[in-house]
Each structure stands twice: as C-alpha cells, then as structure tokens.
Amino acid sequence: MKLIVGLGNPGGKYAHNRHNIGFMALDMMAGDHGFGPWKSKFQGSVCEGRFGPDRAVLLKPETFMNNSGQSVAAAMKFHKIDATDVIVFHDELDLAPAKVRFKMGGGHAGHNGLRSIHAHIGPDYGRIRMGVGHPGHKDRVSGYVLSDFSKADQDWLDDVLRGCADGAPHLAAGDPPKFMNAVALRVAPPRPSTGQRPPKVVTERPAKVAAAPDLDTRSSMQKLMDRFK
C-alpha cells in the first residue's frame, strides 16, 4: 500500500496558490479514480481507495506547510507504512512550469514542507516535483508561491494535474517511469506524422492494339486484271 501525500495550505484563501499544487493533484486523482469521501484524520484530510488491485491512502496535511511532517508521520504510524512507500506531490521552483520529475530520497532543497517531513520520517521517501517556475529572485519567492496561478497557466496546469491522475495507478504499482510517461502523454502528446508521402499510384496504360487489315473485296477476275495493269 502507498501513502500518497499532497502538500499545500488549508483554507479557501490558499486553494489556488502555486504552493497548493500538491493538494490540487490529489483532488484530481481522487475524483478521477472514485476515491472518497475525504475525512478529517491525522491532522489532515484523508481518503482511501484502489488503483486497480493496489490500495492507496491519499493525504492532504492541514497543519500548514511548515508542519506537514506531523500529519505524514501520524498516517504512516497508523497504517504501518515505511518511508519508502510514501510519495509526496509538491511545488518545485527549480523546474519550469509544466515540468514534472520523480525523485527518490535526497535533500529537501529548502522546501518548508519537505523540510518538516524530513524531520519526522527521514529522507527516504519518493517525491513528485511539480514545476511552477521561479520568480527570478529569492526575495520574491514567498509572495510568488503564495499567489494564485495566472489565467495563462490554466491550460498547462490542467494537463499536468490530469496527467498525474492518469499515472497514479503506476505509482501505486511501484512503476515511476510509467507514471512519468502518462504525464508526458498529457503535457506533450505525440504529433501525428506529416512527413510521409502517400504511395504513388501506378496506372497501367492499355496495350496498343494493331489495326485490323482491310478486307479485300475484289473478285477473282478483278484481281487478275489488276495484276496486268
């Protein structure tokens, strides 16, 4: 069983913030795969269900971002799940918008939600890094992640969220590469080939038919007379 965590801040004020893209991913996942209903548990919102044969628990910590690890640790303890079976969806400043990457283990790169999770369960969990871009200067980061996605972001954001929902069964089955492929099919679907020429149609010309010789309608006497002309 996998514990799939989406990071964000609780409340309508933050619902459409870039920092809440993890919450958005889990909402899409739960809706597309018939999970639910969401219940208050482990200092967060939880829903359970299956991706095919694989059971999963979806968790949105409601401790605010900086204390996300408390909620994750409580859910892990209850379900007796190892850190290696935890997958966290979160915003990533170091990736361009619409870019998604899977990472197993490693540092928290200054992300406050990951920092808290590290403190409670260690670094050996999986992450889905969801690119939101960088504002250009570190002094602008806080205001940037706590502001809403723009209208111009909506198309790629919808593709990314739907791709994550499409790929969720592969995460539950322990196959991150197939998850990444599902996201790619939404974000950058293959284009139909336009470089091939249609096959050349060869039309056979009808064979020439020799003209039939003219019939000789002269009488025998006429033929004899013609010979002595």
C-alpha atoms as a PDB file:
ATOM      1  CA  MET A   1       0.000   0.000   0.000  1.00  0.00           C
ATOM      2  CA  LYS A   2       1.173   3.538  -0.784  1.00  0.00           C
ATOM      3  CA  LEU A   3       0.640   6.718   1.213  1.00  0.00           C
ATOM      4  CA  ILE A   4       0.327   9.490  -1.384  1.00  0.00           C
ATOM      5  CA  VAL A   5       0.695  12.970   0.095  1.00  0.00           C
ATOM      6  CA  GLY A   6      -0.108  16.311  -1.498  1.00  0.00           C
ATOM      7  CA  LEU A   7       1.392  19.426   0.068  1.00  0.00           C
ATOM      8  CA  GLY A   8      -0.390  22.752   0.477  1.00  0.00           C
ATOM      9  CA  ASN A   9      -2.033  25.071   2.965  1.00  0.00           C
ATOM     10  CA  PRO A  10      -5.618  24.561   4.219  1.00  0.00           C
ATOM     11  CA  GLY A  11      -8.453  27.023   3.583  1.00  0.00           C
ATOM     12  CA  GLY A  12     -10.035  28.780   0.642  1.00  0.00           C
ATOM     13  CA  LYS A  13      -7.560  31.656   0.848  1.00  0.00           C
ATOM     14  CA  TYR A  14      -4.767  29.373  -0.351  1.00  0.00           C
ATOM     15  CA  ALA A  15      -6.725  26.958  -2.552  1.00  0.00           C
ATOM     16  CA  HIS A  16      -5.404  28.241  -5.908  1.00  0.00           C
ATOM     17  CA  ASN A  17      -1.881  29.176  -4.786  1.00  0.00           C
ATOM     18  CA  ARG A  18       1.146  27.736  -6.560  1.00  0.00           C
ATOM     19  CA  HIS A  19       2.162  26.272  -3.181  1.00  0.00           C
ATOM     20  CA  ASN A  20      -1.029  24.186  -3.247  1.00  0.00           C
ATOM     21  CA  ILE A  21      -0.394  22.290  -6.469  1.00  0.00           C
ATOM     22  CA  GLY A  22       0.082  19.116  -4.384  1.00  0.00           C
ATOM     23  CA  PHE A  23      -3.443  19.465  -2.965  1.00  0.00           C
ATOM     24  CA  MET A  24      -4.764  20.042  -6.491  1.00  0.00           C
ATOM     25  CA  ALA A  25      -3.090  16.872  -7.785  1.00  0.00           C
ATOM     26  CA  LEU A  26      -4.675  14.723  -5.063  1.00  0.00           C
ATOM     27  CA  ASP A  27      -8.121  16.258  -5.625  1.00  0.00           C
ATOM     28  CA  MET A  28      -7.905  15.373  -9.330  1.00  0.00           C
ATOM     29  CA  MET A  29      -6.652  11.893  -8.506  1.00  0.00           C
ATOM     30  CA  ALA A  30      -9.434  11.174  -6.014  1.00  0.00           C
ATOM     31  CA  GLY A  31     -12.132  12.439  -8.383  1.00  0.00           C
ATOM     32  CA  ASP A  32     -10.894  10.570 -11.449  1.00  0.00           C
ATOM     33  CA  HIS A  33     -10.488   7.240  -9.648  1.00  0.00           C
ATOM     34  CA  GLY A  34     -13.606   7.264  -7.482  1.00  0.00           C
ATOM     35  CA  PHE A  35     -11.893   7.703  -4.115  1.00  0.00           C
ATOM     36  CA  GLY A  36     -13.565   9.369  -1.217  1.00  0.00           C
ATOM     37  CA  PRO A  37     -15.130  10.834   0.672  1.00  0.00           C
ATOM     38  CA  TRP A  38     -12.470  12.998   2.309  1.00  0.00           C
ATOM     39  CA  LYS A  39     -12.383  12.643   6.096  1.00  0.00           C
ATOM     40  CA  SER A  40     -10.540  14.541   8.834  1.00  0.00           C
ATOM     41  CA  LYS A  41      -7.796  12.358  10.239  1.00  0.00           C
ATOM     42  CA  PHE A  42      -4.076  12.513  11.079  1.00  0.00           C
ATOM     43  CA  GLN A  43      -4.249  16.331  11.277  1.00  0.00           C
ATOM     44  CA  GLY A  44      -5.277  16.349   7.660  1.00  0.00           C
ATOM     45  CA  SER A  45      -7.839  15.282   5.051  1.00  0.00           C
ATOM     46  CA  VAL A  46      -7.721  11.616   4.076  1.00  0.00           C
ATOM     47  CA  CYS A  47      -9.458   9.433   1.527  1.00  0.00           C
ATOM     48  CA  GLU A  48      -8.828   5.804   0.634  1.00  0.00           C
ATOM     49  CA  GLY A  49      -9.397   3.674  -2.415  1.00  0.00           C
ATOM     50  CA  ARG A  50      -7.795   1.460  -5.027  1.00  0.00           C
ATOM     51  CA  PHE A  51      -5.922   1.915  -8.251  1.00  0.00           C
ATOM     52  CA  GLY A  52      -6.860  -1.418  -9.778  1.00  0.00           C
ATOM     53  CA  PRO A  53      -5.558  -4.086  -7.374  1.00  0.00           C
ATOM     54  CA  ASP A  54      -3.403  -1.650  -5.392  1.00  0.00           C
ATOM     55  CA  ARG A  55      -4.764   0.058  -2.281  1.00  0.00           C
ATOM     56  CA  ALA A  56      -3.687   3.631  -1.541  1.00  0.00           C
ATOM     57  CA  VAL A  57      -4.274   6.337   1.059  1.00  0.00           C
ATOM     58  CA  LEU A  58      -4.379   9.962  -0.101  1.00  0.00           C
ATOM     59  CA  LEU A  59      -3.397  12.569   2.498  1.00  0.00           C
ATOM     60  CA  LYS A  60      -3.559  16.382   2.441  1.00  0.00           C
ATOM     61  CA  PRO A  61      -1.913  17.652   5.668  1.00  0.00           C
ATOM     62  CA  GLU A  62      -3.850  20.547   7.239  1.00  0.00           C
ATOM     63  CA  THR A  63      -1.110  21.619   9.655  1.00  0.00           C
ATOM     64  CA  PHE A  64       0.025  24.341   7.231  1.00  0.00           C
ATOM     65  CA  MET A  65       3.054  23.694   5.053  1.00  0.00           C
ATOM     66  CA  ASN A  66       5.765  24.157   7.692  1.00  0.00           C
ATOM     67  CA  ASN A  67       4.387  21.330   9.872  1.00  0.00           C
ATOM     68  CA  SER A  68       3.394  18.832   7.161  1.00  0.00           C
ATOM     69  CA  GLY A  69       5.636  16.141   8.649  1.00  0.00           C
ATOM     70  CA  GLN A  70       3.425  15.781  11.729  1.00  0.00           C
ATOM     71  CA  SER A  71       0.482  14.644   9.636  1.00  0.00           C
ATOM     72  CA  VAL A  72       2.572  12.357   7.419  1.00  0.00           C
ATOM     73  CA  ALA A  73       4.227  10.666  10.392  1.00  0.00           C
ATOM     74  CA  ALA A  74       0.855  10.061  12.097  1.00  0.00           C
ATOM     75  CA  ALA A  75      -0.604   8.430   8.961  1.00  0.00           C
ATOM     76  CA  MET A  76       2.497   6.279   8.480  1.00  0.00           C
ATOM     77  CA  LYS A  77       2.378   5.048  12.064  1.00  0.00           C
ATOM     78  CA  PHE A  78      -1.321   4.163  11.879  1.00  0.00           C
ATOM     79  CA  HIS A  79      -1.025   2.250   8.593  1.00  0.00           C
ATOM     80  CA  LYS A  80       2.401   0.761   9.453  1.00  0.00           C
ATOM     81  CA  ILE A  81       3.918   2.146   6.241  1.00  0.00           C
ATOM     82  CA  ASP A  82       7.659   2.565   5.633  1.00  0.00           C
ATOM     83  CA  ALA A  83       9.074   5.827   4.311  1.00  0.00           C
ATOM     84  CA  THR A  84       9.866   4.106   1.003  1.00  0.00           C
ATOM     85  CA  ASP A  85       6.095   3.665   0.452  1.00  0.00           C
ATOM     86  CA  VAL A  86       5.402   7.391   0.864  1.00  0.00           C
ATOM     87  CA  ILE A  87       5.147   9.607  -2.234  1.00  0.00           C
ATOM     88  CA  VAL A  88       4.855  13.394  -1.838  1.00  0.00           C
ATOM     89  CA  PHE A  89       3.492  15.748  -4.522  1.00  0.00           C
ATOM     90  CA  HIS A  90       4.850  19.290  -4.121  1.00  0.00           C
ATOM     91  CA  ASP A  91       5.604  22.529  -5.958  1.00  0.00           C
ATOM     92  CA  GLU A  92       9.121  22.909  -7.341  1.00  0.00           C
ATOM     93  CA  LEU A  93      10.684  26.320  -8.027  1.00  0.00           C
ATOM     94  CA  ASP A  94      13.694  24.836  -9.821  1.00  0.00           C
ATOM     95  CA  LEU A  95      11.563  23.323 -12.584  1.00  0.00           C
ATOM     96  CA  ALA A  96       9.846  25.280 -15.350  1.00  0.00           C
ATOM     97  CA  PRO A  97       6.035  25.315 -15.355  1.00  0.00           C
ATOM     98  CA  ALA A  98       4.537  22.050 -16.697  1.00  0.00           C
ATOM     99  CA  LYS A  99       7.716  20.071 -15.960  1.00  0.00           C
ATOM    100  CA  VAL A 100       7.261  17.075 -13.653  1.00  0.00           C
ATOM    101  CA  ARG A 101      10.006  14.867 -12.236  1.00  0.00           C
ATOM    102  CA  PHE A 102      10.155  11.867  -9.911  1.00  0.00           C
ATOM    103  CA  LYS A 103      12.861  11.680  -7.246  1.00  0.00           C
ATOM    104  CA  MET A 104      13.541   9.046  -4.615  1.00  0.00           C
ATOM    105  CA  GLY A 105      15.304  10.271  -1.475  1.00  0.00           C
ATOM    106  CA  GLY A 106      17.741  13.183  -1.325  1.00  0.00           C
ATOM    107  CA  GLY A 107      17.619  16.626   0.250  1.00  0.00           C
ATOM    108  CA  HIS A 108      14.683  18.993   0.759  1.00  0.00           C
ATOM    109  CA  ALA A 109      16.250  21.894  -1.226  1.00  0.00           C
ATOM    110  CA  GLY A 110      14.835  24.428   1.220  1.00  0.00           C
ATOM    111  CA  HIS A 111      11.180  23.487   0.656  1.00  0.00           C
ATOM    112  CA  ASN A 112       9.489  24.030   4.036  1.00  0.00           C
ATOM    113  CA  GLY A 113       7.032  21.169   3.614  1.00  0.00           C
ATOM    114  CA  LEU A 114       9.778  18.692   2.704  1.00  0.00           C
ATOM    115  CA  ARG A 115      11.976  20.047   5.487  1.00  0.00           C
ATOM    116  CA  SER A 116       9.249  19.165   8.002  1.00  0.00           C
ATOM    117  CA  ILE A 117       8.741  15.700   6.504  1.00  0.00           C
ATOM    118  CA  HIS A 118      12.493  15.067   6.626  1.00  0.00           C
ATOM    119  CA  ALA A 119      12.497  15.960  10.320  1.00  0.00           C
ATOM    120  CA  HIS A 120       9.727  13.443  11.106  1.00  0.00           C
ATOM    121  CA  ILE A 121      10.345  10.451   8.810  1.00  0.00           C
ATOM    122  CA  GLY A 122      13.796  10.978   7.264  1.00  0.00           C
ATOM    123  CA  PRO A 123      14.696  11.488   3.571  1.00  0.00           C
ATOM    124  CA  ASP A 124      13.929   8.048   2.123  1.00  0.00           C
ATOM    125  CA  TYR A 125      10.564   8.789   0.525  1.00  0.00           C
ATOM    126  CA  GLY A 126       9.527   9.494  -3.065  1.00  0.00           C
ATOM    127  CA  ARG A 127       8.696  12.949  -4.397  1.00  0.00           C
ATOM    128  CA  ILE A 128       6.811  14.164  -7.435  1.00  0.00           C
ATOM    129  CA  ARG A 129       8.388  17.547  -8.165  1.00  0.00           C
ATOM    130  CA  MET A 130       5.824  19.716  -9.974  1.00  0.00           C
ATOM    131  CA  GLY A 131       7.410  22.706 -11.691  1.00  0.00           C
ATOM    132  CA  VAL A 132       5.913  26.147 -11.085  1.00  0.00           C
ATOM    133  CA  GLY A 133       8.893  28.238 -12.232  1.00  0.00           C
ATOM    134  CA  HIS A 134      10.958  30.761 -10.280  1.00  0.00           C
ATOM    135  CA  PRO A 135      10.155  34.465  -9.785  1.00  0.00           C
ATOM    136  CA  GLY A 136      13.766  35.381 -10.510  1.00  0.00           C
ATOM    137  CA  HIS A 137      14.975  36.480  -7.080  1.00  0.00           C
ATOM    138  CA  LYS A 138      14.907  34.720  -3.715  1.00  0.00           C
ATOM    139  CA  ASP A 139      13.295  37.740  -2.036  1.00  0.00           C
ATOM    140  CA  ARG A 140      10.208  37.256  -4.203  1.00  0.00           C
ATOM    141  CA  VAL A 141       9.797  33.515  -3.601  1.00  0.00           C
ATOM    142  CA  SER A 142       7.374  33.686  -0.653  1.00  0.00           C
ATOM    143  CA  GLY A 143       4.966  36.051  -2.403  1.00  0.00           C
ATOM    144  CA  TYR A 144       5.237  34.048  -5.623  1.00  0.00           C
ATOM    145  CA  VAL A 145       4.340  30.630  -4.194  1.00  0.00           C
ATOM    146  CA  LEU A 146       1.582  32.127  -2.044  1.00  0.00           C
ATOM    147  CA  SER A 147      -0.081  33.780  -5.041  1.00  0.00           C
ATOM    148  CA  ASP A 148      -2.600  32.169  -7.387  1.00  0.00           C
ATOM    149  CA  PHE A 149      -1.798  30.623 -10.730  1.00  0.00           C
ATOM    150  CA  SER A 150      -2.488  33.085 -13.541  1.00  0.00           C
ATOM    151  CA  LYS A 151      -5.074  32.577 -16.269  1.00  0.00           C
ATOM    152  CA  ALA A 152      -2.228  31.906 -18.695  1.00  0.00           C
ATOM    153  CA  ASP A 153      -1.198  28.929 -16.518  1.00  0.00           C
ATOM    154  CA  GLN A 154      -4.550  27.170 -16.625  1.00  0.00           C
ATOM    155  CA  ASP A 155      -4.038  25.062 -19.771  1.00  0.00           C
ATOM    156  CA  TRP A 156      -0.711  23.529 -18.781  1.00  0.00           C
ATOM    157  CA  LEU A 157      -1.845  23.198 -15.159  1.00  0.00           C
ATOM    158  CA  ASP A 158      -4.899  21.183 -16.180  1.00  0.00           C
ATOM    159  CA  ASP A 159      -2.739  18.932 -18.387  1.00  0.00           C
ATOM    160  CA  VAL A 160      -0.276  18.301 -15.549  1.00  0.00           C
ATOM    161  CA  LEU A 161      -2.995  17.515 -12.999  1.00  0.00           C
ATOM    162  CA  ARG A 162      -4.808  15.168 -15.369  1.00  0.00           C
ATOM    163  CA  GLY A 163      -1.526  13.508 -16.288  1.00  0.00           C
ATOM    164  CA  CYS A 164      -0.757  12.892 -12.616  1.00  0.00           C
ATOM    165  CA  ALA A 165      -4.212  11.359 -12.153  1.00  0.00           C
ATOM    166  CA  ASP A 166      -3.689   9.180 -15.256  1.00  0.00           C
ATOM    167  CA  GLY A 167      -0.354   7.964 -13.927  1.00  0.00           C
ATOM    168  CA  ALA A 168      -1.366   7.415 -10.293  1.00  0.00           C
ATOM    169  CA  PRO A 169      -2.058   3.671 -10.754  1.00  0.00           C
ATOM    170  CA  HIS A 170       1.558   3.229 -11.901  1.00  0.00           C
ATOM    171  CA  LEU A 171       2.848   4.973  -8.773  1.00  0.00           C
ATOM    172  CA  ALA A 172       0.690   2.700  -6.635  1.00  0.00           C
ATOM    173  CA  ALA A 173       2.139  -0.280  -8.503  1.00  0.00           C
ATOM    174  CA  GLY A 174       5.713   0.942  -7.911  1.00  0.00           C
ATOM    175  CA  ASP A 175       6.454   1.949 -11.511  1.00  0.00           C
ATOM    176  CA  PRO A 176       7.513   5.642 -11.601  1.00  0.00           C
ATOM    177  CA  PRO A 177       8.709   5.548 -15.258  1.00  0.00           C
ATOM    178  CA  LYS A 178       5.204   4.619 -16.423  1.00  0.00           C
ATOM    179  CA  PHE A 179       3.813   7.408 -14.255  1.00  0.00           C
ATOM    180  CA  MET A 180       6.133   9.883 -15.978  1.00  0.00           C
ATOM    181  CA  ASN A 181       5.070   8.570 -19.373  1.00  0.00           C
ATOM    182  CA  ALA A 182       1.401   9.135 -18.508  1.00  0.00           C
ATOM    183  CA  VAL A 183       2.150  12.748 -17.555  1.00  0.00           C
ATOM    184  CA  ALA A 184       4.107  13.286 -20.770  1.00  0.00           C
ATOM    185  CA  LEU A 185       1.208  11.987 -22.877  1.00  0.00           C
ATOM    186  CA  ARG A 186      -0.981  14.742 -21.399  1.00  0.00           C
ATOM    187  CA  VAL A 187       1.545  17.575 -21.390  1.00  0.00           C
ATOM    188  CA  ALA A 188       3.263  16.855 -24.723  1.00  0.00           C
ATOM    189  CA  PRO A 189       1.232  14.315 -26.702  1.00  0.00           C
ATOM    190  CA  PRO A 190       2.953  12.883 -29.793  1.00  0.00           C
ATOM    191  CA  ARG A 191       2.152  14.664 -33.016  1.00  0.00           C
ATOM    192  CA  PRO A 192       0.806  12.729 -35.986  1.00  0.00           C
ATOM    193  CA  SER A 193       3.409  12.173 -38.683  1.00  0.00           C
ATOM    194  CA  THR A 194       3.065  14.562 -41.645  1.00  0.00           C
ATOM    195  CA  GLY A 195       6.352  13.853 -43.457  1.00  0.00           C
ATOM    196  CA  GLN A 196       5.346  10.725 -45.338  1.00  0.00           C
ATOM    197  CA  ARG A 197       4.199  10.987 -48.918  1.00  0.00           C
ATOM    198  CA  PRO A 198       1.197   8.922 -49.950  1.00  0.00           C
ATOM    199  CA  PRO A 199       2.124   5.849 -52.004  1.00  0.00           C
ATOM    200  CA  LYS A 200       2.397   6.502 -55.730  1.00  0.00           C
ATOM    201  CA  VAL A 201      -0.475   5.050 -57.698  1.00  0.00           C
ATOM    202  CA  VAL A 202       0.704   3.411 -60.910  1.00  0.00           C
ATOM    203  CA  THR A 203      -1.863   3.302 -63.665  1.00  0.00           C
ATOM    204  CA  GLU A 204      -1.184   0.847 -66.442  1.00  0.00           C
ATOM    205  CA  ARG A 205      -1.744   2.077 -69.928  1.00  0.00           C
ATOM    206  CA  PRO A 206      -3.804  -0.188 -72.160  1.00  0.00           C
ATOM    207  CA  ALA A 207      -1.709  -2.105 -74.656  1.00  0.00           C
ATOM    208  CA  LYS A 208      -1.824  -0.843 -78.219  1.00  0.00           C
ATOM    209  CA  VAL A 209      -3.998  -2.996 -80.439  1.00  0.00           C
ATOM    210  CA  ALA A 210      -2.791  -3.430 -84.001  1.00  0.00           C
ATOM    211  CA  ALA A 211      -5.223  -2.140 -86.561  1.00  0.00           C
ATOM    212  CA  ALA A 212      -7.083  -4.865 -88.322  1.00  0.00           C
ATOM    213  CA  PRO A 213      -6.073  -5.199 -92.053  1.00  0.00           C
ATOM    214  CA  ASP A 214      -8.636  -4.001 -94.643  1.00  0.00           C
ATOM    215  CA  LEU A 215     -10.645  -6.792 -96.172  1.00  0.00           C
ATOM    216  CA  ASP A 216     -10.065  -7.436 -99.946  1.00  0.00           C
ATOM    217  CA  THR A 217     -13.492  -7.459-101.548  1.00  0.00           C
ATOM    218  CA  ARG A 218     -12.312  -7.783-105.225  1.00  0.00           C
ATOM    219  CA  SER A 219     -13.488 -10.661-107.386  1.00  0.00           C
ATOM    220  CA  SER A 220     -11.024 -13.166-108.804  1.00  0.00           C
ATOM    221  CA  MET A 221     -11.349 -11.642-112.312  1.00  0.00           C
ATOM    222  CA  GLN A 222     -10.733  -8.138-110.910  1.00  0.00           C
ATOM    223  CA  LYS A 223      -7.619  -9.339-109.061  1.00  0.00           C
ATOM    224  CA  LEU A 224      -6.272 -10.902-112.326  1.00  0.00           C
ATOM    225  CA  MET A 225      -6.926  -7.766-114.333  1.00  0.00           C
ATOM    226  CA  ASP A 226      -5.270  -5.635-111.659  1.00  0.00           C
ATOM    227  CA  ARG A 227      -2.094  -7.707-111.918  1.00  0.00           C
ATOM    228  CA  PHE A 228      -1.626  -6.760-115.607  1.00  0.00           C
ATOM    229  CA  LYS A 229      -2.267  -3.057-115.213  1.00  0.00           C
END
